Amino acid sequence: MFASLAVKLDYMKRGCQAVYAYHKALSPEDKATAQAWARDAESKLQKAIKER
């Protein structure tokens, strides 16, 4: 059980590192666009939760 948890945590850590590296490589305009998309997705998620 603990072994599979450790593997999952390692995958999550690697995924976060990949996202961080990609985010660092983006230009400021790309970051602004990505943040706008993230806010849009979050607002849609919140709206869907409220409608349920």
PDB file of N, CA and C in Angstrom:
ATOM      1  N   MET A   1       0.830  -1.205   0.000  1.00  0.00           N
ATOM      2  CA  MET A   1       0.000   0.000   0.000  1.00  0.00           C
ATOM      3  C   MET A   1       0.868   1.261   0.000  1.00  0.00           C
ATOM      4  N   PHE A   2       1.863   1.277   0.891  1.00  0.00           N
ATOM      5  CA  PHE A   2       2.708   2.473   0.974  1.00  0.00           C
ATOM      6  C   PHE A   2       3.558   2.646  -0.282  1.00  0.00           C
ATOM      7  N   ALA A   3       3.927   1.523  -0.892  1.00  0.00           N
ATOM      8  CA  ALA A   3       4.748   1.613  -2.106  1.00  0.00           C
ATOM      9  C   ALA A   3       3.968   2.293  -3.226  1.00  0.00           C
ATOM     10  N   SER A   4       2.704   1.895  -3.413  1.00  0.00           N
ATOM     11  CA  SER A   4       1.910   2.508  -4.481  1.00  0.00           C
ATOM     12  C   SER A   4       1.651   3.980  -4.187  1.00  0.00           C
ATOM     13  N   LEU A   5       1.487   4.331  -2.921  1.00  0.00           N
ATOM     14  CA  LEU A   5       1.291   5.730  -2.549  1.00  0.00           C
ATOM     15  C   LEU A   5       2.542   6.538  -2.871  1.00  0.00           C
ATOM     16  N   ALA A   6       3.702   5.972  -2.562  1.00  0.00           N
ATOM     17  CA  ALA A   6       4.964   6.661  -2.848  1.00  0.00           C
ATOM     18  C   ALA A   6       5.129   6.878  -4.346  1.00  0.00           C
ATOM     19  N   VAL A   7       4.751   5.880  -5.146  1.00  0.00           N
ATOM     20  CA  VAL A   7       4.843   6.003  -6.603  1.00  0.00           C
ATOM     21  C   VAL A   7       3.907   7.105  -7.091  1.00  0.00           C
ATOM     22  N   LYS A   8       2.688   7.135  -6.565  1.00  0.00           N
ATOM     23  CA  LYS A   8       1.727   8.175  -6.963  1.00  0.00           C
ATOM     24  C   LYS A   8       2.242   9.564  -6.598  1.00  0.00           C
ATOM     25  N   LEU A   9       2.794   9.699  -5.397  1.00  0.00           N
ATOM     26  CA  LEU A   9       3.334  10.994  -4.976  1.00  0.00           C
ATOM     27  C   LEU A   9       4.506  11.409  -5.855  1.00  0.00           C
ATOM     28  N   ASP A  10       5.328  10.438  -6.250  1.00  0.00           N
ATOM     29  CA  ASP A  10       6.464  10.746  -7.118  1.00  0.00           C
ATOM     30  C   ASP A  10       5.969  11.230  -8.477  1.00  0.00           C
ATOM     31  N   TYR A  11       4.945  10.569  -9.028  1.00  0.00           N
ATOM     32  CA  TYR A  11       4.368  11.005 -10.304  1.00  0.00           C
ATOM     33  C   TYR A  11       3.794  12.414 -10.185  1.00  0.00           C
ATOM     34  N   MET A  12       3.102  12.677  -9.081  1.00  0.00           N
ATOM     35  CA  MET A  12       2.514  14.003  -8.876  1.00  0.00           C
ATOM     36  C   MET A  12       3.602  15.059  -8.799  1.00  0.00           C
ATOM     37  N   LYS A  13       4.699  14.747  -8.070  1.00  0.00           N
ATOM     38  CA  LYS A  13       5.804  15.702  -7.936  1.00  0.00           C
ATOM     39  C   LYS A  13       6.420  15.976  -9.302  1.00  0.00           C
ATOM     40  N   ARG A  14       6.630  14.930 -10.088  1.00  0.00           N
ATOM     41  CA  ARG A  14       7.206  15.113 -11.424  1.00  0.00           C
ATOM     42  C   ARG A  14       6.277  15.933 -12.306  1.00  0.00           C
ATOM     43  N   GLY A  15       4.983  15.683 -12.197  1.00  0.00           N
ATOM     44  CA  GLY A  15       4.015  16.449 -12.978  1.00  0.00           C
ATOM     45  C   GLY A  15       4.045  17.918 -12.605  1.00  0.00           C
ATOM     46  N   CYS A  16       4.114  18.204 -11.314  1.00  0.00           N
ATOM     47  CA  CYS A  16       4.178  19.596 -10.852  1.00  0.00           C
ATOM     48  C   CYS A  16       5.458  20.266 -11.342  1.00  0.00           C
ATOM     49  N   GLN A  17       6.560  19.535 -11.311  1.00  0.00           N
ATOM     50  CA  GLN A  17       7.831  20.094 -11.783  1.00  0.00           C
ATOM     51  C   GLN A  17       7.768  20.389 -13.271  1.00  0.00           C
ATOM     52  N   ALA A  18       7.118  19.510 -14.046  1.00  0.00           N
ATOM     53  CA  ALA A  18       6.996  19.726 -15.487  1.00  0.00           C
ATOM     54  C   ALA A  18       6.137  20.954 -15.770  1.00  0.00           C
ATOM     55  N   VAL A  19       5.041  21.086 -15.043  1.00  0.00           N
ATOM     56  CA  VAL A  19       4.164  22.246 -15.219  1.00  0.00           C
ATOM     57  C   VAL A  19       4.906  23.527 -14.849  1.00  0.00           C
ATOM     58  N   TYR A  20       5.667  23.480 -13.753  1.00  0.00           N
ATOM     59  CA  TYR A  20       6.419  24.660 -13.314  1.00  0.00           C
ATOM     60  C   TYR A  20       7.467  25.049 -14.360  1.00  0.00           C
ATOM     61  N   ALA A  21       8.177  24.063 -14.891  1.00  0.00           N
ATOM     62  CA  ALA A  21       9.204  24.343 -15.903  1.00  0.00           C
ATOM     63  C   ALA A  21       8.560  24.941 -17.153  1.00  0.00           C
ATOM     64  N   TYR A  22       7.416  24.392 -17.552  1.00  0.00           N
ATOM     65  CA  TYR A  22       6.706  24.916 -18.718  1.00  0.00           C
ATOM     66  C   TYR A  22       6.242  26.344 -18.451  1.00  0.00           C
ATOM     67  N   HIS A  23       5.729  26.584 -17.262  1.00  0.00           N
ATOM     68  CA  HIS A  23       5.227  27.909 -16.906  1.00  0.00           C
ATOM     69  C   HIS A  23       6.370  28.929 -16.902  1.00  0.00           C
ATOM     70  N   LYS A  24       7.538  28.538 -16.399  1.00  0.00           N
ATOM     71  CA  LYS A  24       8.696  29.435 -16.375  1.00  0.00           C
ATOM     72  C   LYS A  24       9.152  29.780 -17.787  1.00  0.00           C
ATOM     73  N   ALA A  25       8.955  28.841 -18.733  1.00  0.00           N
ATOM     74  CA  ALA A  25       9.423  29.045 -20.100  1.00  0.00           C
ATOM     75  C   ALA A  25       8.499  29.979 -20.885  1.00  0.00           C
ATOM     76  N   LEU A  26       7.291  30.190 -20.392  1.00  0.00           N
ATOM     77  CA  LEU A  26       6.325  31.016 -21.119  1.00  0.00           C
ATOM     78  C   LEU A  26       6.697  32.496 -21.053  1.00  0.00           C
ATOM     79  N   SER A  27       6.338  33.200 -22.090  1.00  0.00           N
ATOM     80  CA  SER A  27       6.515  34.647 -22.084  1.00  0.00           C
ATOM     81  C   SER A  27       5.422  35.276 -21.214  1.00  0.00           C
ATOM     82  N   PRO A  28       5.576  36.521 -20.788  1.00  0.00           N
ATOM     83  CA  PRO A  28       4.547  37.164 -19.954  1.00  0.00           C
ATOM     84  C   PRO A  28       3.157  37.175 -20.610  1.00  0.00           C
ATOM     85  N   GLU A  29       3.104  37.361 -21.942  1.00  0.00           N
ATOM     86  CA  GLU A  29       1.794  37.362 -22.609  1.00  0.00           C
ATOM     87  C   GLU A  29       1.151  35.977 -22.524  1.00  0.00           C
ATOM     88  N   ASP A  30       1.974  34.928 -22.715  1.00  0.00           N
ATOM     89  CA  ASP A  30       1.445  33.570 -22.620  1.00  0.00           C
ATOM     90  C   ASP A  30       0.959  33.277 -21.211  1.00  0.00           C
ATOM     91  N   LYS A  31       1.695  33.785 -20.205  1.00  0.00           N
ATOM     92  CA  LYS A  31       1.280  33.566 -18.820  1.00  0.00           C
ATOM     93  C   LYS A  31      -0.064  34.235 -18.556  1.00  0.00           C
ATOM     94  N   ALA A  32      -0.236  35.442 -19.073  1.00  0.00           N
ATOM     95  CA  ALA A  32      -1.501  36.150 -18.871  1.00  0.00           C
ATOM     96  C   ALA A  32      -2.646  35.377 -19.515  1.00  0.00           C
ATOM     97  N   THR A  33      -2.407  34.851 -20.709  1.00  0.00           N
ATOM     98  CA  THR A  33      -3.436  34.060 -21.399  1.00  0.00           C
ATOM     99  C   THR A  33      -3.752  32.800 -20.603  1.00  0.00           C
ATOM    100  N   ALA A  34      -2.716  32.107 -20.132  1.00  0.00           N
ATOM    101  CA  ALA A  34      -2.913  30.881 -19.363  1.00  0.00           C
ATOM    102  C   ALA A  34      -3.677  31.167 -18.074  1.00  0.00           C
ATOM    103  N   GLN A  35      -3.361  32.290 -17.415  1.00  0.00           N
ATOM    104  CA  GLN A  35      -4.074  32.647 -16.188  1.00  0.00           C
ATOM    105  C   GLN A  35      -5.532  32.970 -16.491  1.00  0.00           C
ATOM    106  N   ALA A  36      -5.788  33.629 -17.611  1.00  0.00           N
ATOM    107  CA  ALA A  36      -7.169  33.943 -17.982  1.00  0.00           C
ATOM    108  C   ALA A  36      -7.944  32.655 -18.249  1.00  0.00           C
ATOM    109  N   TRP A  37      -7.319  31.703 -18.945  1.00  0.00           N
ATOM    110  CA  TRP A  37      -7.974  30.421 -19.196  1.00  0.00           C
ATOM    111  C   TRP A  37      -8.251  29.699 -17.884  1.00  0.00           C
ATOM    112  N   ALA A  38      -7.297  29.746 -16.959  1.00  0.00           N
ATOM    113  CA  ALA A  38      -7.469  29.069 -15.673  1.00  0.00           C
ATOM    114  C   ALA A  38      -8.625  29.700 -14.896  1.00  0.00           C
ATOM    115  N   ARG A  39      -8.706  31.035 -14.896  1.00  0.00           N
ATOM    116  CA  ARG A  39      -9.819  31.706 -14.203  1.00  0.00           C
ATOM    117  C   ARG A  39     -11.145  31.352 -14.858  1.00  0.00           C
ATOM    118  N   ASP A  40     -11.167  31.302 -16.191  1.00  0.00           N
ATOM    119  CA  ASP A  40     -12.384  30.963 -16.919  1.00  0.00           C
ATOM    120  C   ASP A  40     -12.834  29.544 -16.580  1.00  0.00           C
ATOM    121  N   ALA A  41     -11.884  28.604 -16.579  1.00  0.00           N
ATOM    122  CA  ALA A  41     -12.203  27.215 -16.252  1.00  0.00           C
ATOM    123  C   ALA A  41     -12.696  27.097 -14.819  1.00  0.00           C
ATOM    124  N   GLU A  42     -12.071  27.840 -13.905  1.00  0.00           N
ATOM    125  CA  GLU A  42     -12.475  27.790 -12.502  1.00  0.00           C
ATOM    126  C   GLU A  42     -13.882  28.347 -12.332  1.00  0.00           C
ATOM    127  N   SER A  43     -14.197  29.445 -13.034  1.00  0.00           N
ATOM    128  CA  SER A  43     -15.533  30.030 -12.909  1.00  0.00           C
ATOM    129  C   SER A  43     -16.587  29.078 -13.483  1.00  0.00           C
ATOM    130  N   LYS A  44     -16.262  28.393 -14.581  1.00  0.00           N
ATOM    131  CA  LYS A  44     -17.196  27.418 -15.148  1.00  0.00           C
ATOM    132  C   LYS A  44     -17.421  26.260 -14.178  1.00  0.00           C
ATOM    133  N   LEU A  45     -16.341  25.829 -13.514  1.00  0.00           N
ATOM    134  CA  LEU A  45     -16.450  24.742 -12.543  1.00  0.00           C
ATOM    135  C   LEU A  45     -17.331  25.170 -11.377  1.00  0.00           C
ATOM    136  N   GLN A  46     -17.106  26.370 -10.847  1.00  0.00           N
ATOM    137  CA  GLN A  46     -17.915  26.873  -9.730  1.00  0.00           C
ATOM    138  C   GLN A  46     -19.384  26.972 -10.128  1.00  0.00           C
ATOM    139  N   LYS A  47     -19.637  27.448 -11.361  1.00  0.00           N
ATOM    140  CA  LYS A  47     -21.007  27.574 -11.852  1.00  0.00           C
ATOM    141  C   LYS A  47     -21.671  26.202 -11.945  1.00  0.00           C
ATOM    142  N   ALA A  48     -20.920  25.204 -12.445  1.00  0.00           N
ATOM    143  CA  ALA A  48     -21.457  23.848 -12.561  1.00  0.00           C
ATOM    144  C   ALA A  48     -21.770  23.265 -11.192  1.00  0.00           C
ATOM    145  N   ILE A  49     -20.917  23.560 -10.207  1.00  0.00           N
ATOM    146  CA  ILE A  49     -21.149  23.058  -8.847  1.00  0.00           C
ATOM    147  C   ILE A  49     -22.417  23.681  -8.270  1.00  0.00           C
ATOM    148  N   LYS A  50     -22.607  24.984  -8.497  1.00  0.00           N
ATOM    149  CA  LYS A  50     -23.793  25.667  -7.966  1.00  0.00           C
ATOM    150  C   LYS A  50     -25.069  25.149  -8.613  1.00  0.00           C
ATOM    151  N   GLU A  51     -24.992  24.781  -9.903  1.00  0.00           N
ATOM    152  CA  GLU A  51     -26.187  24.322 -10.614  1.00  0.00           C
ATOM    153  C   GLU A  51     -26.612  22.917 -10.214  1.00  0.00           C
ATOM    154  N   ARG A  52     -25.691  22.142  -9.657  1.00  0.00           N
ATOM    155  CA  ARG A  52     -26.025  20.763  -9.288  1.00  0.00           C
ATOM    156  C   ARG A  52     -26.941  20.702  -8.106  1.00  0.00           C
TER     157      ARG A  52
END
